[in-house]
Amino acid sequence: DCPPSLGLLTLNALVASDSVIVPLQ
């Protein structure tokens, strides 16, 4: 569960992951 930003925390998640799911309201 990523924070609502594209900062270093989210970058860590993307580097660690195989794929990305995007919830779209």
PDB file of all heavy atoms in Angstrom:
ATOM      1  N   ASP A   1       0.860  -1.185   0.000  1.00  0.00           N
ATOM      2  CA  ASP A   1       0.000   0.000   0.000  1.00  0.00           C
ATOM      3  C   ASP A   1       0.897   1.237   0.000  1.00  0.00           C
ATOM      4  O   ASP A   1       1.547   1.546   0.998  1.00  0.00           O
ATOM      5  CB  ASP A   1      -0.913   0.000   1.227  1.00  0.00           C
ATOM      6  CG  ASP A   1      -1.871   1.179   1.228  1.00  0.00           C
ATOM      7  OD1 ASP A   1      -2.380   1.512   0.145  1.00  0.00           O
ATOM      8  OD2 ASP A   1      -2.088   1.775   2.297  1.00  0.00           O
ATOM      9  N   CYS A   2       0.929   1.954  -1.111  1.00  0.00           N
ATOM     10  CA  CYS A   2       1.830   3.093  -1.284  1.00  0.00           C
ATOM     11  C   CYS A   2       1.188   4.391  -0.795  1.00  0.00           C
ATOM     12  O   CYS A   2      -0.045   4.511  -0.772  1.00  0.00           O
ATOM     13  CB  CYS A   2       2.199   3.257  -2.763  1.00  0.00           C
ATOM     14  SG  CYS A   2       3.061   1.838  -3.467  1.00  0.00           S
ATOM     15  N   PRO A   3       2.003   5.385  -0.451  1.00  0.00           N
ATOM     16  CA  PRO A   3       1.448   6.702  -0.113  1.00  0.00           C
ATOM     17  C   PRO A   3       0.926   7.391  -1.367  1.00  0.00           C
ATOM     18  O   PRO A   3       1.302   7.032  -2.487  1.00  0.00           O
ATOM     19  CB  PRO A   3       2.659   7.446   0.472  1.00  0.00           C
ATOM     20  CG  PRO A   3       3.844   6.780  -0.129  1.00  0.00           C
ATOM     21  CD  PRO A   3       3.472   5.338  -0.312  1.00  0.00           C
ATOM     22  N   PRO A   4       0.046   8.393  -1.221  1.00  0.00           N
ATOM     23  CA  PRO A   4      -0.502   9.100  -2.381  1.00  0.00           C
ATOM     24  C   PRO A   4       0.469  10.152  -2.923  1.00  0.00           C
ATOM     25  O   PRO A   4       0.188  11.354  -2.921  1.00  0.00           O
ATOM     26  CB  PRO A   4      -1.769   9.740  -1.814  1.00  0.00           C
ATOM     27  CG  PRO A   4      -1.452   9.959  -0.375  1.00  0.00           C
ATOM     28  CD  PRO A   4      -0.581   8.811   0.044  1.00  0.00           C
ATOM     29  N   SER A   5       1.612   9.687  -3.382  1.00  0.00           N
ATOM     30  CA  SER A   5       2.622  10.573  -3.967  1.00  0.00           C
ATOM     31  C   SER A   5       3.571   9.710  -4.784  1.00  0.00           C
ATOM     32  O   SER A   5       3.515   8.482  -4.727  1.00  0.00           O
ATOM     33  CB  SER A   5       3.408  11.306  -2.870  1.00  0.00           C
ATOM     34  OG  SER A   5       4.207  10.384  -2.139  1.00  0.00           O
ATOM     35  N   LEU A   6       4.446  10.365  -5.533  1.00  0.00           N
ATOM     36  CA  LEU A   6       5.445   9.632  -6.327  1.00  0.00           C
ATOM     37  C   LEU A   6       6.840   9.909  -5.787  1.00  0.00           C
ATOM     38  O   LEU A   6       7.794  10.085  -6.541  1.00  0.00           O
ATOM     39  CB  LEU A   6       5.333  10.015  -7.807  1.00  0.00           C
ATOM     40  CG  LEU A   6       4.031   9.614  -8.501  1.00  0.00           C
ATOM     41  CD1 LEU A   6       4.011  10.101  -9.942  1.00  0.00           C
ATOM     42  CD2 LEU A   6       3.821   8.104  -8.451  1.00  0.00           C
ATOM     43  N   GLY A   7       6.983   9.939  -4.462  1.00  0.00           N
ATOM     44  CA  GLY A   7       8.259  10.198  -3.817  1.00  0.00           C
ATOM     45  C   GLY A   7       9.097   8.954  -3.640  1.00  0.00           C
ATOM     46  O   GLY A   7       8.866   7.906  -4.269  1.00  0.00           O
ATOM     47  N   LEU A   8      10.067   9.027  -2.745  1.00  0.00           N
ATOM     48  CA  LEU A   8      11.034   7.949  -2.554  1.00  0.00           C
ATOM     49  C   LEU A   8      10.400   6.693  -1.970  1.00  0.00           C
ATOM     50  O   LEU A   8      10.837   5.575  -2.270  1.00  0.00           O
ATOM     51  CB  LEU A   8      12.189   8.430  -1.663  1.00  0.00           C
ATOM     52  CG  LEU A   8      13.389   7.493  -1.496  1.00  0.00           C
ATOM     53  CD1 LEU A   8      13.947   7.040  -2.829  1.00  0.00           C
ATOM     54  CD2 LEU A   8      14.464   8.173  -0.648  1.00  0.00           C
ATOM     55  N   LEU A   9       9.365   6.845  -1.146  1.00  0.00           N
ATOM     56  CA  LEU A   9       8.684   5.668  -0.620  1.00  0.00           C
ATOM     57  C   LEU A   9       8.021   4.879  -1.752  1.00  0.00           C
ATOM     58  O   LEU A   9       8.171   3.658  -1.857  1.00  0.00           O
ATOM     59  CB  LEU A   9       7.645   6.061   0.431  1.00  0.00           C
ATOM     60  CG  LEU A   9       8.175   6.630   1.745  1.00  0.00           C
ATOM     61  CD1 LEU A   9       7.014   7.018   2.656  1.00  0.00           C
ATOM     62  CD2 LEU A   9       9.088   5.638   2.449  1.00  0.00           C
ATOM     63  N   THR A  10       7.282   5.580  -2.604  1.00  0.00           N
ATOM     64  CA  THR A  10       6.644   4.911  -3.737  1.00  0.00           C
ATOM     65  C   THR A  10       7.680   4.345  -4.687  1.00  0.00           C
ATOM     66  O   THR A  10       7.507   3.241  -5.225  1.00  0.00           O
ATOM     67  CB  THR A  10       5.704   5.878  -4.472  1.00  0.00           C
ATOM     68  OG1 THR A  10       4.676   6.306  -3.569  1.00  0.00           O
ATOM     69  CG2 THR A  10       5.066   5.223  -5.680  1.00  0.00           C
ATOM     70  N   LEU A  11       8.784   5.059  -4.902  1.00  0.00           N
ATOM     71  CA  LEU A  11       9.854   4.546  -5.753  1.00  0.00           C
ATOM     72  C   LEU A  11      10.388   3.230  -5.191  1.00  0.00           C
ATOM     73  O   LEU A  11      10.632   2.280  -5.947  1.00  0.00           O
ATOM     74  CB  LEU A  11      10.977   5.573  -5.876  1.00  0.00           C
ATOM     75  CG  LEU A  11      12.200   5.138  -6.704  1.00  0.00           C
ATOM     76  CD1 LEU A  11      11.790   4.742  -8.119  1.00  0.00           C
ATOM     77  CD2 LEU A  11      13.232   6.261  -6.741  1.00  0.00           C
ATOM     78  N   ASN A  12      10.568   3.145  -3.885  1.00  0.00           N
ATOM     79  CA  ASN A  12      10.999   1.894  -3.268  1.00  0.00           C
ATOM     80  C   ASN A  12      10.011   0.770  -3.571  1.00  0.00           C
ATOM     81  O   ASN A  12      10.415  -0.362  -3.839  1.00  0.00           O
ATOM     82  CB  ASN A  12      11.156   2.068  -1.756  1.00  0.00           C
ATOM     83  CG  ASN A  12      12.592   2.295  -1.342  1.00  0.00           C
ATOM     84  OD1 ASN A  12      13.309   1.359  -0.955  1.00  0.00           O
ATOM     85  ND2 ASN A  12      13.041   3.537  -1.424  1.00  0.00           N
ATOM     86  N   ALA A  13       8.719   1.076  -3.503  1.00  0.00           N
ATOM     87  CA  ALA A  13       7.708   0.063  -3.787  1.00  0.00           C
ATOM     88  C   ALA A  13       7.780  -0.408  -5.235  1.00  0.00           C
ATOM     89  O   ALA A  13       7.696  -1.612  -5.515  1.00  0.00           O
ATOM     90  CB  ALA A  13       6.315   0.621  -3.490  1.00  0.00           C
ATOM     91  N   LEU A  14       7.954   0.530  -6.166  1.00  0.00           N
ATOM     92  CA  LEU A  14       8.007   0.174  -7.584  1.00  0.00           C
ATOM     93  C   LEU A  14       9.265  -0.628  -7.913  1.00  0.00           C
ATOM     94  O   LEU A  14       9.225  -1.557  -8.738  1.00  0.00           O
ATOM     95  CB  LEU A  14       7.949   1.434  -8.448  1.00  0.00           C
ATOM     96  CG  LEU A  14       6.659   2.256  -8.346  1.00  0.00           C
ATOM     97  CD1 LEU A  14       6.752   3.496  -9.223  1.00  0.00           C
ATOM     98  CD2 LEU A  14       5.441   1.421  -8.716  1.00  0.00           C
ATOM     99  N   VAL A  15      10.357  -0.304  -7.281  1.00  0.00           N
ATOM    100  CA  VAL A  15      11.603  -1.051  -7.514  1.00  0.00           C
ATOM    101  C   VAL A  15      11.488  -2.463  -6.947  1.00  0.00           C
ATOM    102  O   VAL A  15      12.039  -3.416  -7.506  1.00  0.00           O
ATOM    103  CB  VAL A  15      12.803  -0.303  -6.895  1.00  0.00           C
ATOM    104  CG1 VAL A  15      14.070  -1.153  -6.959  1.00  0.00           C
ATOM    105  CG2 VAL A  15      13.030   1.023  -7.620  1.00  0.00           C
ATOM    106  N   ALA A  16      10.734  -2.612  -5.865  1.00  0.00           N
ATOM    107  CA  ALA A  16      10.599  -3.925  -5.220  1.00  0.00           C
ATOM    108  C   ALA A  16       9.591  -4.832  -5.911  1.00  0.00           C
ATOM    109  O   ALA A  16       9.610  -6.045  -5.702  1.00  0.00           O
ATOM    110  CB  ALA A  16      10.186  -3.738  -3.764  1.00  0.00           C
ATOM    111  N   SER A  17       8.721  -4.267  -6.753  1.00  0.00           N
ATOM    112  CA  SER A  17       7.544  -4.996  -7.230  1.00  0.00           C
ATOM    113  C   SER A  17       7.735  -5.634  -8.592  1.00  0.00           C
ATOM    114  O   SER A  17       8.574  -5.218  -9.400  1.00  0.00           O
ATOM    115  CB  SER A  17       6.338  -4.048  -7.277  1.00  0.00           C
ATOM    116  OG  SER A  17       6.017  -3.575  -5.996  1.00  0.00           O
ATOM    117  N   ASP A  18       6.902  -6.643  -8.838  1.00  0.00           N
ATOM    118  CA  ASP A  18       6.796  -7.235 -10.173  1.00  0.00           C
ATOM    119  C   ASP A  18       5.831  -6.437 -11.033  1.00  0.00           C
ATOM    120  O   ASP A  18       5.996  -6.359 -12.251  1.00  0.00           O
ATOM    121  CB  ASP A  18       6.292  -8.683 -10.071  1.00  0.00           C
ATOM    122  CG  ASP A  18       7.216  -9.566  -9.251  1.00  0.00           C
ATOM    123  OD1 ASP A  18       8.399  -9.666  -9.604  1.00  0.00           O
ATOM    124  OD2 ASP A  18       6.751 -10.133  -8.240  1.00  0.00           O
ATOM    125  N   SER A  19       4.809  -5.863 -10.391  1.00  0.00           N
ATOM    126  CA  SER A  19       3.779  -5.177 -11.161  1.00  0.00           C
ATOM    127  C   SER A  19       3.081  -4.131 -10.304  1.00  0.00           C
ATOM    128  O   SER A  19       3.312  -4.033  -9.097  1.00  0.00           O
ATOM    129  CB  SER A  19       2.751  -6.185 -11.707  1.00  0.00           C
ATOM    130  OG  SER A  19       2.100  -6.859 -10.644  1.00  0.00           O
ATOM    131  N   VAL A  20       2.211  -3.363 -10.970  1.00  0.00           N
ATOM    132  CA  VAL A  20       1.520  -2.242 -10.327  1.00  0.00           C
ATOM    133  C   VAL A  20       0.025  -2.352 -10.593  1.00  0.00           C
ATOM    134  O   VAL A  20      -0.399  -2.588 -11.728  1.00  0.00           O
ATOM    135  CB  VAL A  20       2.028  -0.886 -10.867  1.00  0.00           C
ATOM    136  CG1 VAL A  20       1.342   0.268 -10.160  1.00  0.00           C
ATOM    137  CG2 VAL A  20       3.537  -0.786 -10.733  1.00  0.00           C
ATOM    138  N   ILE A  21      -0.766  -2.170  -9.545  1.00  0.00           N
ATOM    139  CA  ILE A  21      -2.210  -2.035  -9.671  1.00  0.00           C
ATOM    140  C   ILE A  21      -2.571  -0.589  -9.349  1.00  0.00           C
ATOM    141  O   ILE A  21      -2.104  -0.036  -8.344  1.00  0.00           O
ATOM    142  CB  ILE A  21      -2.956  -3.001  -8.733  1.00  0.00           C
ATOM    143  CG1 ILE A  21      -2.904  -4.427  -9.301  1.00  0.00           C
ATOM    144  CG2 ILE A  21      -4.400  -2.569  -8.521  1.00  0.00           C
ATOM    145  CD1 ILE A  21      -3.541  -5.467  -8.400  1.00  0.00           C
ATOM    146  N   VAL A  22      -3.406   0.012 -10.201  1.00  0.00           N
ATOM    147  CA  VAL A  22      -3.809   1.410 -10.028  1.00  0.00           C
ATOM    148  C   VAL A  22      -5.312   1.488  -9.795  1.00  0.00           C
ATOM    149  O   VAL A  22      -6.090   1.198 -10.702  1.00  0.00           O
ATOM    150  CB  VAL A  22      -3.432   2.260 -11.259  1.00  0.00           C
ATOM    151  CG1 VAL A  22      -3.818   3.719 -11.026  1.00  0.00           C
ATOM    152  CG2 VAL A  22      -1.951   2.130 -11.577  1.00  0.00           C
ATOM    153  N   PRO A  23      -5.752   1.854  -8.592  1.00  0.00           N
ATOM    154  CA  PRO A  23      -7.179   2.121  -8.392  1.00  0.00           C
ATOM    155  C   PRO A  23      -7.557   3.444  -9.057  1.00  0.00           C
ATOM    156  O   PRO A  23      -6.857   4.450  -8.906  1.00  0.00           O
ATOM    157  CB  PRO A  23      -7.314   2.224  -6.862  1.00  0.00           C
ATOM    158  CG  PRO A  23      -6.045   1.642  -6.307  1.00  0.00           C
ATOM    159  CD  PRO A  23      -4.994   1.934  -7.333  1.00  0.00           C
ATOM    160  N   LEU A  24      -8.654   3.440  -9.790  1.00  0.00           N
ATOM    161  CA  LEU A  24      -9.101   4.627 -10.517  1.00  0.00           C
ATOM    162  C   LEU A  24     -10.521   4.953 -10.101  1.00  0.00           C
ATOM    163  O   LEU A  24     -11.453   4.186 -10.368  1.00  0.00           O
ATOM    164  CB  LEU A  24      -9.033   4.381 -12.030  1.00  0.00           C
ATOM    165  CG  LEU A  24      -9.454   5.529 -12.937  1.00  0.00           C
ATOM    166  CD1 LEU A  24      -8.489   6.705 -12.801  1.00  0.00           C
ATOM    167  CD2 LEU A  24      -9.536   5.072 -14.386  1.00  0.00           C
ATOM    168  N   GLN A  25     -10.682   6.074  -9.430  1.00  0.00           N
ATOM    169  CA  GLN A  25     -11.997   6.493  -8.952  1.00  0.00           C
ATOM    170  C   GLN A  25     -12.881   6.914 -10.119  1.00  0.00           C
ATOM    171  O   GLN A  25     -12.426   7.622 -11.028  1.00  0.00           O
ATOM    172  CB  GLN A  25     -11.840   7.656  -7.977  1.00  0.00           C
ATOM    173  CG  GLN A  25     -13.125   8.135  -7.346  1.00  0.00           C
ATOM    174  CD  GLN A  25     -12.885   9.332  -6.430  1.00  0.00           C
ATOM    175  OE1 GLN A  25     -11.812   9.924  -6.461  1.00  0.00           O
ATOM    176  NE2 GLN A  25     -13.874   9.682  -5.645  1.00  0.00           N
TER     177      GLN A  25
END
